[in-house]
Amino acid sequence: MSNKEKYNQVFIETFNLEKDYISADLEYNSIPGWDSVGHMSMIAELEETFDVMLEMDEIIDFSSFNKGIEILGKHGVDVR
């Protein structure tokens, strides 16, 4: 499974989304599950999946699907 597929899968599983719903338009609070609790669940899953530890500033800044790709890239994870 590619990093892109793993990244998408975290969103699918954390927020109970259909595969077709995954897009660059996904943003914090744009779907019912992506609230503060869902956000922390997603962060924990991403950290485990990619074996990284995000800084608090990065967790707060992780406001969209695309921003997450950028943040993971800083940790050497190529999700594109």
Protein backbone atom coordinates (compact mmCIF):
# COMPACT_ATOMS: atom_id res chain seq x y z
CA MET A 1 0.00 0.00 0.00
CA SER A 2 1.40 3.41 -0.98
CA ASN A 3 1.71 6.29 1.46
CA LYS A 4 -1.10 8.08 -0.40
CA GLU A 5 -3.37 5.05 0.09
CA LYS A 6 -2.41 4.83 3.77
CA TYR A 7 -3.10 8.53 4.24
CA ASN A 8 -6.50 8.25 2.55
CA GLN A 9 -7.31 5.16 4.62
CA VAL A 10 -6.74 7.06 7.87
CA PHE A 11 -9.34 9.62 6.78
CA ILE A 12 -11.75 6.90 5.61
CA GLU A 13 -11.52 4.96 8.87
CA THR A 14 -11.32 7.88 11.30
CA PHE A 15 -14.22 9.82 9.84
CA ASN A 16 -16.29 6.94 8.40
CA LEU A 17 -16.03 8.27 4.87
CA GLU A 18 -16.62 6.63 1.55
CA LYS A 19 -13.50 6.34 -0.60
CA ASP A 20 -15.03 8.69 -3.19
CA TYR A 21 -15.43 11.42 -0.56
CA ILE A 22 -11.66 11.84 -0.11
CA SER A 23 -10.51 15.05 -1.80
CA ALA A 24 -8.29 18.07 -1.40
CA ASP A 25 -11.40 20.00 -0.29
CA LEU A 26 -11.58 18.23 3.07
CA GLU A 27 -11.07 20.69 5.91
CA TYR A 28 -11.40 20.72 9.67
CA ASN A 29 -15.08 20.96 10.66
CA SER A 30 -16.19 20.44 7.02
CA ILE A 31 -17.52 17.00 7.90
CA PRO A 32 -19.36 15.97 11.08
CA GLY A 33 -16.61 13.71 12.45
CA TRP A 34 -13.75 16.14 12.01
CA ASP A 35 -14.18 17.99 15.27
CA SER A 36 -11.61 18.34 18.05
CA VAL A 37 -12.02 14.74 19.24
CA GLY A 38 -11.96 13.33 15.72
CA HIS A 39 -8.94 15.48 14.94
CA MET A 40 -6.91 13.99 17.79
CA SER A 41 -7.97 10.46 16.79
CA MET A 42 -6.82 11.14 13.24
CA ILE A 43 -3.50 12.58 14.44
CA ALA A 44 -2.86 9.53 16.64
CA GLU A 45 -3.61 7.20 13.72
CA LEU A 46 -1.35 9.15 11.35
CA GLU A 47 1.49 9.13 13.87
CA GLU A 48 1.16 5.38 14.27
CA THR A 49 0.75 4.68 10.55
CA PHE A 50 3.77 6.73 9.50
CA ASP A 51 5.86 6.32 12.67
CA VAL A 52 6.18 10.06 13.25
CA MET A 53 5.58 12.37 16.20
CA LEU A 54 3.91 15.63 15.25
CA GLU A 55 4.65 18.79 17.21
CA MET A 56 1.78 20.62 18.92
CA ASP A 57 2.04 23.50 16.43
CA GLU A 58 1.73 21.03 13.55
CA ILE A 59 -1.30 19.35 15.14
CA ILE A 60 -3.01 22.73 15.48
CA ASP A 61 -1.97 23.76 11.95
CA PHE A 62 -3.30 20.48 10.45
CA SER A 63 -6.46 22.15 9.16
CA SER A 64 -7.04 20.38 5.87
CA PHE A 65 -6.32 17.27 3.84
CA ASN A 66 -3.65 19.10 1.82
CA LYS A 67 -2.08 20.77 4.86
CA GLY A 68 -1.62 17.30 6.36
CA ILE A 69 0.31 16.17 3.29
CA GLU A 70 2.56 19.21 3.66
CA ILE A 71 3.13 18.58 7.39
CA LEU A 72 3.92 14.90 6.90
CA GLY A 73 6.35 15.88 4.15
CA LYS A 74 8.37 17.81 6.74
CA HIS A 75 8.82 14.48 8.53
CA GLY A 76 10.09 12.73 5.42
CA VAL A 77 6.77 11.10 4.51
CA ASP A 78 5.96 11.54 0.81
CA VAL A 79 2.18 11.26 0.50
CA ARG A 80 1.85 12.72 -3.02
